Amino acid sequence: MTPPEDRETVVPTDSAGVEPDGLPPSAGLSRRGIFVDLISGALGVALTIPLVGYLLAPLRRKRESELWVKIGAANQLRGERRAEVDYAFTRQDAWLSSVTKRRVIVATNPADESKFTVYSSTCTHLGCGVRWDEAKKEFLCPCHGGVFNAEGEPVSGPVFKPLDRLQARVAEDGQLEVLEA
């Protein structure tokens, strides 16, 4: 009898199920595995493309074109008196089309009657409508007693910002136009 230390231990191996690279045949991709990977990849791409488009849309969006709105004949708005003019224009916002109504106060530049200053009639305090008082030569806001001088600068009351001025130009057909932002 030989002592137990001298005996060699034999471990049985099943070499029939081993590929030459040492991996079992099921370790590679099966047809089902390839199909699942393709479907998962397609779903991932289908969900990623709209998300990336949504995130990059503001960069691709063009700035809205300028909207010049005709408010009246320039020769009828010239003179010493300031004219309150009501006008309306259509604004397109994606699918929604809406008509916006505005009132502005038009003043002629005394030094050059071909130049106009167009004041918004919206008070900068709370958005009330201001009116031009010809006798006092001031813009008056009825809501909280706000007063603006002839240049639209605040004089008294709770107002702290001047009246907004709109860009204006005389078109080729003689109409006064304002730029709507």
N, C-alpha and C. Protein backbone atom coordinates (compact mmCIF):
# COMPACT_ATOMS: atom_id res chain seq x y z
N MET A 1 0.79 -1.16 0.00
CA MET A 1 0.00 0.00 0.00
C MET A 1 0.85 1.25 0.00
N THR A 2 0.40 2.17 -0.79
CA THR A 2 1.16 3.42 -0.87
C THR A 2 0.51 4.44 0.03
N PRO A 3 1.33 5.26 0.51
CA PRO A 3 0.78 6.28 1.39
C PRO A 3 -0.12 7.24 0.58
N PRO A 4 -1.12 7.87 1.22
CA PRO A 4 -2.06 8.73 0.52
C PRO A 4 -1.42 9.94 -0.14
N GLU A 5 -0.26 10.35 0.30
CA GLU A 5 0.39 11.51 -0.33
C GLU A 5 0.89 11.18 -1.70
N ASP A 6 1.18 9.97 -1.98
CA ASP A 6 1.75 9.61 -3.25
C ASP A 6 0.68 9.38 -4.33
N ARG A 7 -0.52 9.27 -3.95
CA ARG A 7 -1.57 9.04 -4.93
C ARG A 7 -1.87 10.31 -5.71
N GLU A 8 -2.13 10.14 -6.98
CA GLU A 8 -2.47 11.25 -7.83
C GLU A 8 -3.99 11.35 -7.91
N THR A 9 -4.49 12.56 -7.72
CA THR A 9 -5.92 12.76 -7.77
C THR A 9 -6.29 13.09 -9.21
N VAL A 10 -7.25 12.39 -9.73
CA VAL A 10 -7.68 12.60 -11.09
C VAL A 10 -9.07 13.23 -11.04
N VAL A 11 -9.18 14.37 -11.75
CA VAL A 11 -10.45 15.08 -11.83
C VAL A 11 -11.03 14.78 -13.21
N PRO A 12 -12.25 14.27 -13.26
CA PRO A 12 -12.82 13.95 -14.57
C PRO A 12 -13.20 15.24 -15.32
N THR A 13 -12.91 15.27 -16.58
CA THR A 13 -13.28 16.42 -17.43
C THR A 13 -14.18 15.93 -18.55
N ASP A 14 -15.08 16.83 -18.95
CA ASP A 14 -15.98 16.51 -20.06
C ASP A 14 -15.52 17.33 -21.25
N SER A 15 -14.63 16.82 -22.03
CA SER A 15 -14.07 17.56 -23.16
C SER A 15 -14.98 17.55 -24.37
N ALA A 16 -16.05 16.83 -24.30
CA ALA A 16 -16.94 16.77 -25.45
C ALA A 16 -17.71 18.08 -25.64
N GLY A 17 -18.03 18.86 -24.56
CA GLY A 17 -18.81 20.09 -24.66
C GLY A 17 -17.97 21.33 -24.70
N VAL A 18 -16.69 21.29 -25.00
CA VAL A 18 -15.82 22.46 -24.98
C VAL A 18 -15.35 22.75 -26.40
N GLU A 19 -15.45 24.05 -26.78
CA GLU A 19 -14.99 24.50 -28.09
C GLU A 19 -13.48 24.65 -28.05
N PRO A 20 -12.85 24.81 -29.20
CA PRO A 20 -11.39 24.96 -29.20
C PRO A 20 -10.90 26.18 -28.44
N ASP A 21 -11.72 27.28 -28.36
CA ASP A 21 -11.27 28.46 -27.63
C ASP A 21 -11.50 28.34 -26.13
N GLY A 22 -12.04 27.21 -25.68
CA GLY A 22 -12.23 26.98 -24.26
C GLY A 22 -13.59 27.39 -23.74
N LEU A 23 -14.48 27.90 -24.58
CA LEU A 23 -15.81 28.32 -24.14
C LEU A 23 -16.85 27.28 -24.55
N PRO A 24 -17.88 27.14 -23.75
CA PRO A 24 -18.95 26.22 -24.15
C PRO A 24 -19.72 26.81 -25.34
N PRO A 25 -20.42 26.00 -26.12
CA PRO A 25 -21.10 26.51 -27.31
C PRO A 25 -22.17 27.54 -26.99
N SER A 26 -22.78 27.53 -25.84
CA SER A 26 -23.83 28.49 -25.51
C SER A 26 -23.29 29.84 -25.09
N ALA A 27 -21.98 30.02 -24.95
CA ALA A 27 -21.41 31.30 -24.53
C ALA A 27 -21.43 32.32 -25.66
N GLY A 28 -21.54 31.92 -26.91
CA GLY A 28 -21.61 32.85 -28.03
C GLY A 28 -23.03 33.36 -28.21
N LEU A 29 -23.23 34.22 -29.20
CA LEU A 29 -24.57 34.73 -29.46
C LEU A 29 -25.38 33.71 -30.25
N SER A 30 -26.57 33.55 -29.80
CA SER A 30 -27.48 32.69 -30.53
C SER A 30 -28.31 33.56 -31.47
N ARG A 31 -29.11 32.95 -32.31
CA ARG A 31 -29.98 33.72 -33.19
C ARG A 31 -30.96 34.56 -32.37
N ARG A 32 -31.46 33.99 -31.32
CA ARG A 32 -32.39 34.72 -30.46
C ARG A 32 -31.68 35.90 -29.80
N GLY A 33 -30.48 35.72 -29.35
CA GLY A 33 -29.72 36.81 -28.72
C GLY A 33 -29.44 37.94 -29.69
N ILE A 34 -29.10 37.60 -30.92
CA ILE A 34 -28.86 38.63 -31.93
C ILE A 34 -30.15 39.39 -32.22
N PHE A 35 -31.26 38.68 -32.34
CA PHE A 35 -32.56 39.31 -32.60
C PHE A 35 -32.94 40.26 -31.47
N VAL A 36 -32.76 39.84 -30.22
CA VAL A 36 -33.08 40.69 -29.06
C VAL A 36 -32.19 41.93 -29.05
N ASP A 37 -30.91 41.77 -29.36
CA ASP A 37 -30.00 42.92 -29.40
C ASP A 37 -30.39 43.90 -30.51
N LEU A 38 -30.78 43.41 -31.67
CA LEU A 38 -31.20 44.29 -32.77
C LEU A 38 -32.47 45.04 -32.41
N ILE A 39 -33.44 44.37 -31.82
CA ILE A 39 -34.69 45.03 -31.42
C ILE A 39 -34.41 46.08 -30.34
N SER A 40 -33.58 45.76 -29.36
CA SER A 40 -33.24 46.72 -28.30
C SER A 40 -32.53 47.93 -28.88
N GLY A 41 -31.60 47.71 -29.79
CA GLY A 41 -30.89 48.82 -30.41
C GLY A 41 -31.83 49.71 -31.21
N ALA A 42 -32.75 49.10 -31.97
CA ALA A 42 -33.71 49.87 -32.76
C ALA A 42 -34.62 50.70 -31.86
N LEU A 43 -35.08 50.13 -30.76
CA LEU A 43 -35.91 50.89 -29.81
C LEU A 43 -35.13 52.03 -29.18
N GLY A 44 -33.88 51.77 -28.85
CA GLY A 44 -33.04 52.83 -28.27
C GLY A 44 -32.85 53.99 -29.23
N VAL A 45 -32.59 53.69 -30.50
CA VAL A 45 -32.42 54.74 -31.51
C VAL A 45 -33.74 55.47 -31.73
N ALA A 46 -34.84 54.72 -31.79
CA ALA A 46 -36.16 55.33 -32.02
C ALA A 46 -36.54 56.28 -30.90
N LEU A 47 -36.10 56.03 -29.68
CA LEU A 47 -36.41 56.91 -28.56
C LEU A 47 -35.40 58.05 -28.43
N THR A 48 -34.19 57.84 -28.88
CA THR A 48 -33.14 58.85 -28.73
C THR A 48 -33.26 59.97 -29.76
N ILE A 49 -33.61 59.65 -30.99
CA ILE A 49 -33.65 60.67 -32.05
C ILE A 49 -34.64 61.78 -31.72
N PRO A 50 -35.89 61.50 -31.32
CA PRO A 50 -36.79 62.61 -30.97
C PRO A 50 -36.31 63.42 -29.77
N LEU A 51 -35.70 62.75 -28.81
CA LEU A 51 -35.20 63.45 -27.63
C LEU A 51 -34.08 64.42 -28.01
N VAL A 52 -33.16 63.99 -28.83
CA VAL A 52 -32.07 64.85 -29.28
C VAL A 52 -32.64 66.01 -30.12
N GLY A 53 -33.63 65.70 -30.98
CA GLY A 53 -34.28 66.76 -31.77
C GLY A 53 -34.95 67.79 -30.89
N TYR A 54 -35.60 67.34 -29.83
CA TYR A 54 -36.27 68.25 -28.90
C TYR A 54 -35.26 69.15 -28.20
N LEU A 55 -34.13 68.56 -27.81
CA LEU A 55 -33.12 69.34 -27.10
C LEU A 55 -32.40 70.33 -28.01
N LEU A 56 -32.26 70.00 -29.28
CA LEU A 56 -31.53 70.88 -30.20
C LEU A 56 -32.43 71.83 -30.98
N ALA A 57 -33.74 71.71 -30.85
CA ALA A 57 -34.68 72.55 -31.61
C ALA A 57 -34.46 74.04 -31.40
N PRO A 58 -34.23 74.52 -30.18
CA PRO A 58 -34.01 75.97 -30.03
C PRO A 58 -32.80 76.48 -30.81
N LEU A 59 -31.81 75.65 -31.02
CA LEU A 59 -30.64 76.08 -31.78
C LEU A 59 -30.93 76.19 -33.27
N ARG A 60 -31.85 75.35 -33.76
CA ARG A 60 -32.17 75.34 -35.18
C ARG A 60 -33.23 76.37 -35.54
N ARG A 61 -33.99 76.81 -34.56
CA ARG A 61 -35.11 77.71 -34.81
C ARG A 61 -34.62 79.06 -35.30
N LYS A 62 -35.20 79.53 -36.36
CA LYS A 62 -34.84 80.84 -36.88
C LYS A 62 -35.59 81.91 -36.11
N ARG A 63 -34.97 83.07 -36.02
CA ARG A 63 -35.63 84.19 -35.37
C ARG A 63 -36.83 84.61 -36.21
N GLU A 64 -37.91 84.95 -35.53
CA GLU A 64 -39.11 85.37 -36.24
C GLU A 64 -38.79 86.58 -37.11
N SER A 65 -39.40 86.59 -38.26
CA SER A 65 -39.17 87.73 -39.15
C SER A 65 -39.83 88.97 -38.53
N GLU A 66 -39.31 90.10 -38.92
CA GLU A 66 -39.86 91.36 -38.40
C GLU A 66 -41.26 91.56 -38.92
N LEU A 67 -42.11 92.07 -38.06
CA LEU A 67 -43.49 92.32 -38.45
C LEU A 67 -43.76 93.82 -38.36
N TRP A 68 -43.75 94.46 -39.51
CA TRP A 68 -44.06 95.89 -39.59
C TRP A 68 -45.55 96.02 -39.86
N VAL A 69 -46.24 96.76 -39.00
CA VAL A 69 -47.69 96.91 -39.10
C VAL A 69 -48.02 98.35 -39.49
N LYS A 70 -48.86 98.50 -40.50
CA LYS A 70 -49.28 99.84 -40.95
C LYS A 70 -50.34 100.35 -39.98
N ILE A 71 -50.13 101.59 -39.50
CA ILE A 71 -51.09 102.14 -38.53
C ILE A 71 -51.84 103.36 -39.06
N GLY A 72 -51.43 103.90 -40.18
CA GLY A 72 -52.15 105.04 -40.73
C GLY A 72 -51.30 105.82 -41.71
N ALA A 73 -51.95 106.73 -42.40
CA ALA A 73 -51.25 107.59 -43.37
C ALA A 73 -50.37 108.59 -42.62
N ALA A 74 -49.10 108.64 -42.99
CA ALA A 74 -48.15 109.50 -42.30
C ALA A 74 -48.52 110.97 -42.41
N ASN A 75 -49.04 111.40 -43.55
CA ASN A 75 -49.36 112.83 -43.72
C ASN A 75 -50.54 113.25 -42.85
N GLN A 76 -51.40 112.32 -42.45
CA GLN A 76 -52.52 112.66 -41.55
C GLN A 76 -52.09 112.68 -40.09
N LEU A 77 -50.94 112.08 -39.78
CA LEU A 77 -50.47 112.03 -38.40
C LEU A 77 -49.47 113.14 -38.08
N ARG A 78 -49.07 113.91 -39.08
CA ARG A 78 -48.13 115.00 -38.86
C ARG A 78 -48.86 116.17 -38.23
N GLY A 79 -48.12 116.96 -37.48
CA GLY A 79 -48.69 118.18 -36.92
C GLY A 79 -48.28 118.36 -35.47
N GLU A 80 -48.80 119.42 -34.88
CA GLU A 80 -48.46 119.78 -33.50
C GLU A 80 -49.06 118.81 -32.49
N ARG A 81 -50.30 118.39 -32.76
CA ARG A 81 -51.00 117.54 -31.79
C ARG A 81 -50.53 116.09 -31.90
N ARG A 82 -50.54 115.43 -30.77
CA ARG A 82 -50.23 114.00 -30.76
C ARG A 82 -51.51 113.24 -31.05
N ALA A 83 -51.39 112.19 -31.79
CA ALA A 83 -52.56 111.42 -32.20
C ALA A 83 -52.57 110.05 -31.52
N GLU A 84 -53.73 109.70 -30.97
CA GLU A 84 -53.91 108.35 -30.45
C GLU A 84 -54.44 107.49 -31.59
N VAL A 85 -53.75 106.40 -31.86
CA VAL A 85 -54.09 105.56 -33.00
C VAL A 85 -54.35 104.14 -32.49
N ASP A 86 -55.52 103.61 -32.87
CA ASP A 86 -55.85 102.21 -32.60
C ASP A 86 -55.59 101.41 -33.86
N TYR A 87 -54.99 100.24 -33.70
CA TYR A 87 -54.76 99.36 -34.85
C TYR A 87 -54.81 97.91 -34.39
N ALA A 88 -54.96 97.03 -35.33
CA ALA A 88 -55.00 95.60 -35.04
C ALA A 88 -54.15 94.87 -36.08
N PHE A 89 -53.59 93.75 -35.68
CA PHE A 89 -52.82 92.93 -36.60
C PHE A 89 -52.97 91.47 -36.18
N THR A 90 -52.72 90.59 -37.12
CA THR A 90 -52.84 89.15 -36.87
C THR A 90 -51.46 88.59 -36.55
N ARG A 91 -51.40 87.86 -35.46
CA ARG A 91 -50.15 87.24 -35.03
C ARG A 91 -50.31 85.73 -35.16
N GLN A 92 -49.35 85.08 -35.78
CA GLN A 92 -49.37 83.64 -35.96
C GLN A 92 -48.40 83.01 -34.98
N ASP A 93 -48.90 82.12 -34.12
CA ASP A 93 -48.07 81.43 -33.14
C ASP A 93 -48.30 79.93 -33.32
N ALA A 94 -47.40 79.27 -34.05
CA ALA A 94 -47.55 77.86 -34.39
C ALA A 94 -48.88 77.64 -35.10
N TRP A 95 -49.83 76.97 -34.48
CA TRP A 95 -51.12 76.71 -35.11
C TRP A 95 -52.14 77.80 -34.81
N LEU A 96 -51.90 78.56 -33.76
CA LEU A 96 -52.89 79.53 -33.31
C LEU A 96 -52.68 80.88 -33.99
N SER A 97 -53.73 81.37 -34.58
CA SER A 97 -53.70 82.69 -35.19
C SER A 97 -54.62 83.59 -34.36
N SER A 98 -54.09 84.73 -33.91
CA SER A 98 -54.90 85.61 -33.06
C SER A 98 -54.75 87.05 -33.51
N VAL A 99 -55.80 87.81 -33.29
CA VAL A 99 -55.79 89.23 -33.63
C VAL A 99 -55.43 90.01 -32.36
N THR A 100 -54.42 90.85 -32.48
CA THR A 100 -53.97 91.66 -31.36
C THR A 100 -54.34 93.11 -31.64
N LYS A 101 -54.95 93.75 -30.65
CA LYS A 101 -55.34 95.16 -30.79
C LYS A 101 -54.44 96.00 -29.91
N ARG A 102 -54.02 97.14 -30.43
CA ARG A 102 -53.14 98.04 -29.69
C ARG A 102 -53.57 99.48 -29.88
N ARG A 103 -53.12 100.30 -28.95
CA ARG A 103 -53.28 101.75 -29.05
C ARG A 103 -51.90 102.36 -28.81
N VAL A 104 -51.54 103.27 -29.68
CA VAL A 104 -50.27 103.99 -29.54
C VAL A 104 -50.54 105.47 -29.65
N ILE A 105 -49.56 106.25 -29.22
CA ILE A 105 -49.66 107.72 -29.32
C ILE A 105 -48.50 108.16 -30.21
N VAL A 106 -48.85 108.81 -31.31
CA VAL A 106 -47.87 109.19 -32.32
C VAL A 106 -47.57 110.68 -32.20
N ALA A 107 -46.28 110.98 -32.15
CA ALA A 107 -45.82 112.38 -32.09
C ALA A 107 -44.87 112.63 -33.25
N THR A 108 -45.00 113.82 -33.83
CA THR A 108 -44.09 114.22 -34.91
C THR A 108 -42.89 114.92 -34.28
N ASN A 109 -41.73 114.65 -34.82
CA ASN A 109 -40.53 115.32 -34.36
C ASN A 109 -40.57 116.77 -34.84
N PRO A 110 -40.55 117.75 -33.91
CA PRO A 110 -40.67 119.16 -34.34
C PRO A 110 -39.53 119.61 -35.25
N ALA A 111 -38.35 119.05 -35.08
CA ALA A 111 -37.22 119.46 -35.90
C ALA A 111 -37.31 118.88 -37.32
N ASP A 112 -37.88 117.68 -37.44
CA ASP A 112 -37.97 117.02 -38.74
C ASP A 112 -39.32 116.31 -38.81
N GLU A 113 -40.26 116.86 -39.57
CA GLU A 113 -41.61 116.30 -39.60
C GLU A 113 -41.70 114.96 -40.32
N SER A 114 -40.61 114.51 -40.91
CA SER A 114 -40.64 113.19 -41.53
C SER A 114 -40.31 112.09 -40.50
N LYS A 115 -39.92 112.50 -39.30
CA LYS A 115 -39.60 111.54 -38.23
C LYS A 115 -40.75 111.50 -37.24
N PHE A 116 -41.05 110.30 -36.79
CA PHE A 116 -42.14 110.11 -35.83
C PHE A 116 -41.61 109.39 -34.60
N THR A 117 -42.22 109.72 -33.46
CA THR A 117 -41.97 108.97 -32.22
C THR A 117 -43.31 108.33 -31.85
N VAL A 118 -43.28 107.01 -31.66
CA VAL A 118 -44.50 106.28 -31.35
C VAL A 118 -44.37 105.72 -29.94
N TYR A 119 -45.26 106.17 -29.05
CA TYR A 119 -45.26 105.74 -27.65
C TYR A 119 -46.31 104.66 -27.44
N SER A 120 -45.97 103.68 -26.66
CA SER A 120 -46.97 102.69 -26.25
C SER A 120 -47.92 103.36 -25.27
N SER A 121 -49.19 103.01 -25.33
CA SER A 121 -50.15 103.60 -24.39
C SER A 121 -50.32 102.73 -23.15
N THR A 122 -49.42 101.80 -22.93
CA THR A 122 -49.49 100.92 -21.77
C THR A 122 -48.57 101.45 -20.68
N CYS A 123 -49.14 101.72 -19.51
CA CYS A 123 -48.36 102.22 -18.38
C CYS A 123 -47.35 101.16 -17.94
N THR A 124 -46.15 101.58 -17.62
CA THR A 124 -45.11 100.64 -17.22
C THR A 124 -45.24 100.22 -15.76
N HIS A 125 -46.20 100.76 -15.06
CA HIS A 125 -46.41 100.37 -13.66
C HIS A 125 -47.23 99.09 -13.57
N LEU A 126 -48.48 99.12 -14.03
CA LEU A 126 -49.35 97.94 -13.96
C LEU A 126 -50.04 97.62 -15.28
N GLY A 127 -49.68 98.28 -16.35
CA GLY A 127 -50.24 97.96 -17.65
C GLY A 127 -51.55 98.63 -17.97
N CYS A 128 -51.93 99.65 -17.23
CA CYS A 128 -53.16 100.39 -17.54
C CYS A 128 -52.93 101.22 -18.80
N GLY A 129 -54.02 101.67 -19.39
CA GLY A 129 -53.90 102.50 -20.59
C GLY A 129 -53.71 103.96 -20.23
N VAL A 130 -52.65 104.56 -20.74
CA VAL A 130 -52.42 105.99 -20.50
C VAL A 130 -53.04 106.79 -21.63
N ARG A 131 -53.29 108.05 -21.37
CA ARG A 131 -53.82 108.94 -22.41
C ARG A 131 -52.98 110.21 -22.42
N TRP A 132 -52.98 110.88 -23.55
CA TRP A 132 -52.25 112.13 -23.71
C TRP A 132 -53.16 113.28 -23.36
N ASP A 133 -52.72 114.12 -22.42
CA ASP A 133 -53.48 115.31 -22.04
C ASP A 133 -52.83 116.49 -22.77
N GLU A 134 -53.53 116.99 -23.78
CA GLU A 134 -52.98 118.06 -24.62
C GLU A 134 -52.79 119.36 -23.83
N ALA A 135 -53.70 119.65 -22.90
CA ALA A 135 -53.60 120.90 -22.13
C ALA A 135 -52.38 120.89 -21.22
N LYS A 136 -52.12 119.77 -20.55
CA LYS A 136 -50.99 119.68 -19.63
C LYS A 136 -49.70 119.23 -20.31
N LYS A 137 -49.81 118.72 -21.54
CA LYS A 137 -48.67 118.17 -22.27
C LYS A 137 -48.01 117.04 -21.48
N GLU A 138 -48.87 116.13 -21.00
CA GLU A 138 -48.40 114.99 -20.20
C GLU A 138 -49.21 113.74 -20.56
N PHE A 139 -48.58 112.60 -20.30
CA PHE A 139 -49.29 111.33 -20.37
C PHE A 139 -49.81 111.05 -18.97
N LEU A 140 -51.09 110.70 -18.87
CA LEU A 140 -51.70 110.44 -17.56
C LEU A 140 -52.19 109.00 -17.49
N CYS A 141 -51.91 108.38 -16.34
CA CYS A 141 -52.39 107.02 -16.10
C CYS A 141 -53.48 107.11 -15.03
N PRO A 142 -54.69 106.65 -15.33
CA PRO A 142 -55.78 106.80 -14.37
C PRO A 142 -55.74 105.80 -13.22
N CYS A 143 -54.98 104.74 -13.32
CA CYS A 143 -55.02 103.69 -12.29
C CYS A 143 -54.46 104.15 -10.93
N HIS A 144 -53.25 104.67 -10.93
CA HIS A 144 -52.62 105.08 -9.68
C HIS A 144 -52.04 106.49 -9.74
N GLY A 145 -52.55 107.27 -10.66
CA GLY A 145 -52.11 108.66 -10.74
C GLY A 145 -50.73 108.85 -11.33
N GLY A 146 -50.28 107.92 -12.15
CA GLY A 146 -48.97 108.05 -12.77
C GLY A 146 -48.97 109.15 -13.81
N VAL A 147 -47.86 109.91 -13.86
CA VAL A 147 -47.73 111.00 -14.81
C VAL A 147 -46.38 110.85 -15.52
N PHE A 148 -46.43 110.99 -16.84
CA PHE A 148 -45.22 110.96 -17.67
C PHE A 148 -45.13 112.29 -18.40
N ASN A 149 -43.92 112.80 -18.61
CA ASN A 149 -43.76 114.05 -19.34
C ASN A 149 -43.96 113.81 -20.84
N ALA A 150 -43.75 114.82 -21.64
CA ALA A 150 -43.99 114.73 -23.08
C ALA A 150 -43.06 113.75 -23.77
N GLU A 151 -41.93 113.44 -23.16
CA GLU A 151 -40.98 112.48 -23.72
C GLU A 151 -41.21 111.06 -23.20
N GLY A 152 -42.25 110.88 -22.37
CA GLY A 152 -42.58 109.56 -21.84
C GLY A 152 -41.82 109.19 -20.58
N GLU A 153 -41.07 110.13 -20.02
CA GLU A 153 -40.30 109.88 -18.79
C GLU A 153 -41.22 110.04 -17.58
N PRO A 154 -41.05 109.21 -16.53
CA PRO A 154 -41.91 109.33 -15.35
C PRO A 154 -41.67 110.64 -14.61
N VAL A 155 -42.78 111.25 -14.17
CA VAL A 155 -42.72 112.51 -13.43
C VAL A 155 -43.18 112.30 -12.00
N SER A 156 -44.34 111.65 -11.84
CA SER A 156 -44.85 111.42 -10.48
C SER A 156 -45.70 110.15 -10.48
N GLY A 157 -46.05 109.76 -9.26
CA GLY A 157 -46.83 108.54 -9.09
C GLY A 157 -45.91 107.34 -8.89
N PRO A 158 -46.47 106.15 -8.93
CA PRO A 158 -45.68 104.95 -8.65
C PRO A 158 -44.85 104.47 -9.84
N VAL A 159 -44.90 105.15 -10.95
CA VAL A 159 -44.15 104.70 -12.13
C VAL A 159 -42.67 104.98 -11.96
N PHE A 160 -41.84 104.08 -12.48
CA PHE A 160 -40.39 104.27 -12.38
C PHE A 160 -39.69 104.02 -13.71
N LYS A 161 -40.40 103.51 -14.69
CA LYS A 161 -39.82 103.29 -16.02
C LYS A 161 -40.53 104.18 -17.03
N PRO A 162 -39.83 104.65 -18.04
CA PRO A 162 -40.47 105.47 -19.07
C PRO A 162 -41.40 104.62 -19.94
N LEU A 163 -42.28 105.29 -20.66
CA LEU A 163 -43.15 104.60 -21.60
C LEU A 163 -42.30 103.95 -22.70
N ASP A 164 -42.75 102.80 -23.15
CA ASP A 164 -42.05 102.12 -24.24
C ASP A 164 -42.24 102.88 -25.53
N ARG A 165 -41.20 102.88 -26.35
CA ARG A 165 -41.26 103.49 -27.67
C ARG A 165 -41.14 102.38 -28.70
N LEU A 166 -41.97 102.47 -29.71
CA LEU A 166 -41.93 101.50 -30.79
C LEU A 166 -41.14 102.06 -31.95
N GLN A 167 -40.41 101.20 -32.63
CA GLN A 167 -39.70 101.64 -33.82
C GLN A 167 -40.73 101.97 -34.89
N ALA A 168 -40.50 103.07 -35.59
CA ALA A 168 -41.45 103.52 -36.61
C ALA A 168 -40.70 103.91 -37.87
N ARG A 169 -41.40 103.76 -38.98
CA ARG A 169 -40.85 104.18 -40.27
C ARG A 169 -42.00 104.51 -41.20
N VAL A 170 -41.70 105.30 -42.21
CA VAL A 170 -42.69 105.61 -43.23
C VAL A 170 -42.40 104.70 -44.41
N ALA A 171 -43.40 103.92 -44.80
CA ALA A 171 -43.25 102.97 -45.91
C ALA A 171 -43.28 103.72 -47.24
N GLU A 172 -42.96 103.02 -48.31
CA GLU A 172 -42.94 103.63 -49.64
C GLU A 172 -44.31 104.15 -50.07
N ASP A 173 -45.38 103.52 -49.54
CA ASP A 173 -46.72 103.95 -49.93
C ASP A 173 -47.26 105.09 -49.05
N GLY A 174 -46.38 105.66 -48.17
CA GLY A 174 -46.77 106.80 -47.35
C GLY A 174 -47.44 106.43 -46.04
N GLN A 175 -47.52 105.14 -45.73
CA GLN A 175 -48.13 104.68 -44.48
C GLN A 175 -47.07 104.65 -43.37
N LEU A 176 -47.50 105.04 -42.17
CA LEU A 176 -46.62 104.94 -41.01
C LEU A 176 -46.72 103.50 -40.51
N GLU A 177 -45.57 102.88 -40.28
CA GLU A 177 -45.51 101.50 -39.81
C GLU A 177 -44.78 101.45 -38.48
N VAL A 178 -45.20 100.51 -37.62
CA VAL A 178 -44.50 100.27 -36.36
C VAL A 178 -44.03 98.82 -36.35
N LEU A 179 -42.93 98.58 -35.65
CA LEU A 179 -42.37 97.24 -35.55
C LEU A 179 -42.95 96.55 -34.33
N GLU A 180 -43.62 95.43 -34.57
CA GLU A 180 -44.17 94.62 -33.48
C GLU A 180 -43.18 93.51 -33.20
N ALA A 181 -42.81 93.37 -31.94
CA ALA A 181 -41.84 92.34 -31.56
C ALA A 181 -42.52 91.06 -31.19
